[in-house]
């Protein structure tokens, strides 16, 4: 099933944007009267009929709406973006497919990348949501200073820190059905000051396993462990 995205359906916008319209009309050869499936990324699926097959603004009429409730827990991962942009984009794609509620990019003392292409990352998340047939698009936040991330609220707050003496595993420390926030540091890891700041703000230091993981792998591992 080809799933199309129009976030403003609840506000009465019943047409696809230029990119989605081109894909529907020019690539898939959809015409007036063709059924079309959509999501708004806010928890609803729609079955609709194309009323105007315009490649620049494809219009549709809603026939049926299905509401998908959010799961009874939420996952927010704050990660320092990698020097190689492809690697962090890979994380966003895979985490969206698996299931994540919020992604924040944070600026740490040892960060090698201080700027991200938020528009491109959001498009990757939309594509992954559609491919995995989901009704909820994760919230994605641009670059945020580390100290501001610490102020976020959650039922359980974790900092993944490379420490051979730390035997507390995330998958064991996480209590089911909670609101989680996990911090994943840059390739140079968190500084000692940042670790201490997190601990002072009620974050719990956890391990993701015995292997040393790349930043994007660690972020995805946290997403997987909290989902299962």
Foldseek 3Di string as FASTA:
>chain_A
DFEAEDQCVVVPQFKHALVRLLCVCVVVVDAFQDWHWYANQQFKIFIWTFHHSDNHITGIGTDDMDGGDDDLEAEEEEFAQAPDNVLQLVLLLLLLLLDHAEYEHEDAPPRPDQFDDVVVSQVSQVVSCRVSVHRHGHHYYYYDYLVVLLPDDWPAEAEEFDDPVAPAAPLVPDDPRIYYYYYFYYPVTHDPVSVVSNVVSRYHYHHLDDDDDHRSVSRNSSSVSNSD
